[in-house]
Protein backbone atom coordinates (compact mmCIF):
# COMPACT_ATOMS: atom_id res chain seq x y z
CA MET A 1 -61.90 90.10 -56.84
CA ASP A 2 -63.03 93.17 -55.53
CA GLU A 3 -64.15 95.60 -57.90
CA ASP A 4 -61.90 98.77 -57.00
CA LYS A 5 -59.03 96.63 -57.52
CA ALA A 6 -60.39 95.65 -60.85
CA MET A 7 -60.10 98.44 -62.48
CA THR A 8 -57.02 99.91 -61.04
CA ALA A 9 -53.34 99.17 -61.88
CA GLY A 10 -50.42 100.12 -60.67
CA ALA A 11 -50.14 103.28 -58.28
CA GLY A 12 -53.63 103.08 -57.46
CA HIS A 13 -54.30 104.25 -61.27
CA VAL A 14 -57.46 104.19 -62.25
CA ILE A 15 -58.46 102.84 -66.27
CA GLY A 16 -59.27 105.82 -68.26
CA GLN A 17 -58.85 108.87 -65.06
CA ASP A 18 -57.56 112.31 -65.90
CA ILE A 19 -53.66 111.25 -65.78
CA SER A 20 -52.55 115.11 -66.51
CA LEU A 21 -51.54 116.04 -63.29
CA MET A 22 -49.46 112.75 -62.68
CA SER A 23 -46.46 113.10 -62.43
CA VAL A 24 -43.55 111.11 -63.96
CA ASP A 25 -43.32 109.15 -61.13
CA GLU A 26 -46.66 107.95 -60.38
CA LEU A 27 -46.99 107.36 -64.87
CA GLU A 28 -43.74 104.96 -64.77
CA ALA A 29 -45.47 103.05 -61.48
CA ALA A 30 -48.59 102.85 -63.51
CA ILE A 31 -47.23 101.84 -66.77
CA ALA A 32 -45.25 99.64 -64.46
CA GLY A 33 -48.18 97.99 -62.71
CA LEU A 34 -50.33 97.63 -66.61
CA ARG A 35 -47.05 96.22 -67.69
CA GLU A 36 -47.37 92.86 -64.88
CA GLU A 37 -51.30 92.77 -65.26
CA ILE A 38 -50.65 92.38 -68.67
CA ALA A 39 -47.82 89.62 -68.48
CA ARG A 40 -50.47 88.09 -65.40
CA LEU A 41 -53.24 87.96 -68.32
CA GLU A 42 -50.45 86.72 -71.07
CA ALA A 43 -49.68 83.99 -68.56
CA GLU A 44 -53.45 83.05 -68.27
CA ILE A 45 -54.15 82.75 -72.10
CA GLY A 46 -51.14 80.32 -71.86
CA ALA A 47 -52.44 78.33 -69.51
CA ARG A 48 -55.77 78.15 -71.02
CA ALA A 49 -53.78 77.33 -74.44
CA ALA A 50 -52.21 74.24 -72.35
CA SER A 51 -55.55 72.74 -71.28
CA ARG A 52 -56.93 73.14 -74.53
CA THR A 53 -54.55 71.20 -76.51
CA ALA A 54 -54.71 68.96 -73.30
CA ALA A 55 -58.01 68.67 -73.94
CA ASP A 56 -58.45 68.18 -78.04
CA ALA A 57 -55.35 65.50 -77.25
CA VAL A 58 -57.78 63.53 -75.11
CA PHE A 59 -60.84 64.00 -77.04
CA GLN A 60 -59.44 63.12 -81.07
CA LYS A 61 -58.33 59.15 -80.26
């Protein structure tokens, strides 16, 4: 993954950047982008948990 992309979320927002000059629309876009990223991360956690459960079931026999 590109390092610049890894640190941005929604509307070019960079995690930790000064948000005092952002408009309400920009803030809402950043929030939407962060929510999408959270959903992506949660989906990956679910996929890994399912893989782990399947592996545990195989090795416990």
